[in-house]
C-alpha atoms as a PDB file:
ATOM      1  CA  MET A   1     109.897  99.300  78.780  1.00  0.00           C
ATOM      2  CA  LEU A   2     108.380  98.449  75.890  1.00  0.00           C
ATOM      3  CA  ALA A   3     111.582  97.537  74.231  1.00  0.00           C
ATOM      4  CA  PHE A   4     112.164  95.208  77.575  1.00  0.00           C
ATOM      5  CA  LEU A   5     108.400  93.753  76.712  1.00  0.00           C
ATOM      6  CA  ILE A   6     108.374  93.014  73.245  1.00  0.00           C
ATOM      7  CA  ALA A   7     112.027  91.918  72.417  1.00  0.00           C
ATOM      8  CA  VAL A   8     114.453  91.307  75.303  1.00  0.00           C
ATOM      9  CA  MET A   9     112.626  89.222  77.829  1.00  0.00           C
ATOM     10  CA  PRO A  10     111.524  86.956  75.170  1.00  0.00           C
ATOM     11  CA  GLY A  11     115.095  86.865  74.025  1.00  0.00           C
ATOM     12  CA  LEU A  12     116.030  86.477  77.362  1.00  0.00           C
ATOM     13  CA  ALA A  13     113.815  83.695  77.813  1.00  0.00           C
ATOM     14  CA  GLU A  14     115.687  81.513  75.073  1.00  0.00           C
ATOM     15  CA  LEU A  15     118.563  81.652  77.577  1.00  0.00           C
ATOM     16  CA  THR A  16     119.609  78.686  80.024  1.00  0.00           C
ATOM     17  CA  GLU A  17     118.850  79.322  83.586  1.00  0.00           C
ATOM     18  CA  GLN A  18     122.693  80.402  83.894  1.00  0.00           C
ATOM     19  CA  GLN A  19     122.721  82.700  81.438  1.00  0.00           C
ATOM     20  CA  PHE A  20     119.311  84.003  82.369  1.00  0.00           C
ATOM     21  CA  THR A  21     120.206  85.486  85.790  1.00  0.00           C
ATOM     22  CA  ALA A  22     123.562  86.334  84.901  1.00  0.00           C
ATOM     23  CA  ALA A  23     122.360  88.699  82.097  1.00  0.00           C
ATOM     24  CA  MET A  24     119.287  89.962  84.929  1.00  0.00           C
ATOM     25  CA  ARG A  25     121.861  90.677  87.345  1.00  0.00           C
ATOM     26  CA  ARG A  26     123.953  92.916  85.447  1.00  0.00           C
ATOM     27  CA  PHE A  27     121.051  94.659  83.534  1.00  0.00           C
ATOM     28  CA  ASN A  28     119.825  95.319  87.412  1.00  0.00           C
ATOM     29  CA  GLU A  29     123.749  96.643  88.125  1.00  0.00           C
ATOM     30  CA  LYS A  30     123.279  98.947  85.160  1.00  0.00           C
ATOM     31  CA  VAL A  31     120.149 100.489  85.553  1.00  0.00           C
ATOM     32  CA  PRO A  32     120.538 102.936  88.693  1.00  0.00           C
ATOM     33  CA  GLY A  33     121.994 105.854  87.908  1.00  0.00           C
ATOM     34  CA  PRO A  34     121.761 109.320  87.044  1.00  0.00           C
ATOM     35  CA  ALA A  35     120.207 108.919  83.341  1.00  0.00           C
ATOM     36  CA  PHE A  36     117.832 106.510  84.532  1.00  0.00           C
ATOM     37  CA  LEU A  37     116.810 108.529  87.842  1.00  0.00           C
ATOM     38  CA  VAL A  38     115.754 111.417  85.550  1.00  0.00           C
ATOM     39  CA  LEU A  39     114.124 109.687  83.355  1.00  0.00           C
ATOM     40  CA  PHE A  40     112.478 107.464  85.944  1.00  0.00           C
ATOM     41  CA  LEU A  41     111.383 110.668  88.443  1.00  0.00           C
ATOM     42  CA  GLY A  42     110.806 112.818  85.062  1.00  0.00           C
ATOM     43  CA  VAL A  43     107.765 110.560  83.987  1.00  0.00           C
ATOM     44  CA  VAL A  44     105.718 111.535  87.379  1.00  0.00           C
ATOM     45  CA  ALA A  45     107.346 115.090  87.644  1.00  0.00           C
ATOM     46  CA  LEU A  46     106.533 116.396  84.172  1.00  0.00           C
ATOM     47  CA  PRO A  47     102.917 114.965  84.261  1.00  0.00           C
ATOM     48  CA  ALA A  48     102.766 116.238  87.970  1.00  0.00           C
ATOM     49  CA  ALA A  49     104.206 119.810  87.153  1.00  0.00           C
ATOM     50  CA  ALA A  50     101.533 120.055  83.783  1.00  0.00           C
ATOM     51  CA  PHE A  51      98.742 119.433  85.928  1.00  0.00           C
ATOM     52  CA  PHE A  52      99.709 121.374  89.018  1.00  0.00           C
ATOM     53  CA  THR A  53     100.740 124.241  87.329  1.00  0.00           C
ATOM     54  CA  GLY A  54      97.880 124.373  84.891  1.00  0.00           C
ATOM     55  CA  LEU A  55     100.366 124.175  82.226  1.00  0.00           C
ATOM     56  CA  GLY A  56      98.361 125.109  78.918  1.00  0.00           C
ATOM     57  CA  GLU A  57      95.081 125.962  80.635  1.00  0.00           C
ATOM     58  CA  HIS A  58      93.523 123.011  81.469  1.00  0.00           C
ATOM     59  CA  ASP A  59      90.039 122.416  79.534  1.00  0.00           C
ATOM     60  CA  ALA A  60      87.472 119.908  80.027  1.00  0.00           C
ATOM     61  CA  VAL A  61      89.278 117.137  78.209  1.00  0.00           C
ATOM     62  CA  SER A  62      93.133 118.367  78.910  1.00  0.00           C
ATOM     63  CA  GLY A  63      93.210 118.444  82.744  1.00  0.00           C
ATOM     64  CA  PRO A  64      90.856 115.170  83.121  1.00  0.00           C
ATOM     65  CA  ALA A  65      93.655 113.319  80.889  1.00  0.00           C
ATOM     66  CA  VAL A  66      96.920 114.809  82.371  1.00  0.00           C
ATOM     67  CA  LEU A  67      95.155 113.939  86.059  1.00  0.00           C
ATOM     68  CA  ALA A  68      94.470 110.237  84.642  1.00  0.00           C
ATOM     69  CA  ALA A  69      98.157 110.363  82.764  1.00  0.00           C
ATOM     70  CA  LEU A  70      99.584 111.248  86.136  1.00  0.00           C
ATOM     71  CA  VAL A  71      97.798 108.460  88.109  1.00  0.00           C
ATOM     72  CA  CYS A  72      99.173 105.672  85.496  1.00  0.00           C
ATOM     73  CA  ALA A  73     102.595 106.780  86.063  1.00  0.00           C
ATOM     74  CA  VAL A  74     102.258 106.697  89.219  1.00  0.00           C
ATOM     75  CA  ILE A  75     100.522 103.193  89.254  1.00  0.00           C
ATOM     76  CA  GLY A  76     103.462 102.066  87.035  1.00  0.00           C
ATOM     77  CA  HIS A  77     106.200 103.826  89.262  1.00  0.00           C
ATOM     78  CA  ALA A  78     104.726 101.852  92.644  1.00  0.00           C
ATOM     79  CA  ILE A  79     104.543  98.467  91.000  1.00  0.00           C
ATOM     80  CA  THR A  80     108.174  98.918  89.672  1.00  0.00           C
ATOM     81  CA  VAL A  81     109.048 100.157  93.606  1.00  0.00           C
ATOM     82  CA  VAL A  82     106.765  97.454  95.553  1.00  0.00           C
ATOM     83  CA  GLY A  83     106.952  94.448  92.914  1.00  0.00           C
ATOM     84  CA  ASN A  84     109.810  94.651  90.459  1.00  0.00           C
ATOM     85  CA  ILE A  85     113.119  96.052  92.438  1.00  0.00           C
ATOM     86  CA  PRO A  86     112.552  94.026  95.244  1.00  0.00           C
ATOM     87  CA  LEU A  87     112.543  91.015  92.890  1.00  0.00           C
ATOM     88  CA  ASN A  88     115.485  92.121  91.147  1.00  0.00           C
ATOM     89  CA  ASN A  89     117.044  92.445  94.714  1.00  0.00           C
ATOM     90  CA  ALA A  90     116.492  88.914  95.669  1.00  0.00           C
ATOM     91  CA  LEU A  91     117.767  87.790  92.629  1.00  0.00           C
ATOM     92  CA  ALA A  92     120.736  89.963  93.127  1.00  0.00           C
ATOM     93  CA  ALA A  93     121.206  88.051  96.671  1.00  0.00           C
ATOM     94  CA  SER A  94     120.778  84.717  95.228  1.00  0.00           C
ATOM     95  CA  GLU A  95     124.332  84.871  92.815  1.00  0.00           C
ATOM     96  CA  GLY A  96     126.260  82.025  93.750  1.00  0.00           C
ATOM     97  CA  GLY A  97     123.112  79.353  94.553  1.00  0.00           C
ATOM     98  CA  ASP A  98     120.807  77.438  92.590  1.00  0.00           C
ATOM     99  CA  ASP A  99     120.110  79.592  89.410  1.00  0.00           C
ATOM    100  CA  SER A 100     116.975  77.572  88.090  1.00  0.00           C
ATOM    101  CA  ALA A 101     115.466  78.048  92.050  1.00  0.00           C
ATOM    102  CA  ALA A 102     116.237  81.655  91.555  1.00  0.00           C
ATOM    103  CA  ARG A 103     114.718  81.965  87.682  1.00  0.00           C
ATOM    104  CA  ALA A 104     112.134  80.204  88.427  1.00  0.00           C
ATOM    105  CA  ALA A 105     111.269  82.498  91.617  1.00  0.00           C
ATOM    106  CA  PHE A 106     111.811  85.577  89.476  1.00  0.00           C
ATOM    107  CA  GLU A 107     110.959  85.666  85.760  1.00  0.00           C
ATOM    108  CA  PRO A 108     107.394  84.444  85.427  1.00  0.00           C
ATOM    109  CA  ARG A 109     106.358  87.403  88.622  1.00  0.00           C
ATOM    110  CA  TRP A 110     108.693  90.012  87.356  1.00  0.00           C
ATOM    111  CA  ASN A 111     107.508  89.340  83.371  1.00  0.00           C
ATOM    112  CA  THR A 112     103.407  89.718  84.944  1.00  0.00           C
ATOM    113  CA  LEU A 113     104.605  92.946  87.172  1.00  0.00           C
ATOM    114  CA  HIS A 114     106.478  94.403  83.811  1.00  0.00           C
ATOM    115  CA  GLN A 115     103.687  93.766  81.613  1.00  0.00           C
ATOM    116  CA  VAL A 116     101.441  95.412  83.969  1.00  0.00           C
ATOM    117  CA  ARG A 117     103.363  98.696  84.344  1.00  0.00           C
ATOM    118  CA  THR A 118     104.129  98.803  80.736  1.00  0.00           C
ATOM    119  CA  ALA A 119     100.584  99.080  80.154  1.00  0.00           C
ATOM    120  CA  PHE A 120      99.802 101.681  82.747  1.00  0.00           C
ATOM    121  CA  SER A 121     103.015 103.305  80.913  1.00  0.00           C
ATOM    122  CA  LEU A 122     101.177 102.741  77.572  1.00  0.00           C
ATOM    123  CA  VAL A 123      98.097 104.212  78.876  1.00  0.00           C
ATOM    124  CA  ALA A 124      99.557 107.819  80.625  1.00  0.00           C
ATOM    125  CA  CYS A 125     101.471 108.316  77.121  1.00  0.00           C
ATOM    126  CA  ALA A 126      98.287 108.055  75.278  1.00  0.00           C
ATOM    127  CA  LEU A 127      96.382 110.291  77.805  1.00  0.00           C
ATOM    128  CA  LEU A 128      98.798 112.676  77.373  1.00  0.00           C
ATOM    129  CA  VAL A 129      99.182 112.917  73.578  1.00  0.00           C
ATOM    130  CA  VAL A 130      94.956 113.335  74.165  1.00  0.00           C
ATOM    131  CA  ALA A 131      95.819 116.112  76.326  1.00  0.00           C
ATOM    132  CA  LEU A 132      97.589 118.174  73.897  1.00  0.00           C
END
């Protein structure tokens, strides 16, 4: 997520409408797959398992930190499922149409959602470090 935020999306922003929409469509075709699903689900499953099994016997800091990390991860996933994926699907459905309109409907909203979910992911990561 962070790489997309600081490198990929700024690079794509410099492309023409046709190049941008084609690139995002190709990315979105490649993302769903076993490796992605393991990582995507693991980001929620591992803190959940750590919290609910009491892995490492929670103390006054680690228990709340792991729980807060889990909440942040779930929020990040919800943003992806409710916001980014529908935008990806709409962009895919617009193929063959007006790339300028497709980009205008996609890019600013997708980027905003991506910034928010990346922030939640970074906070989750920091909280898991605190829990150590």
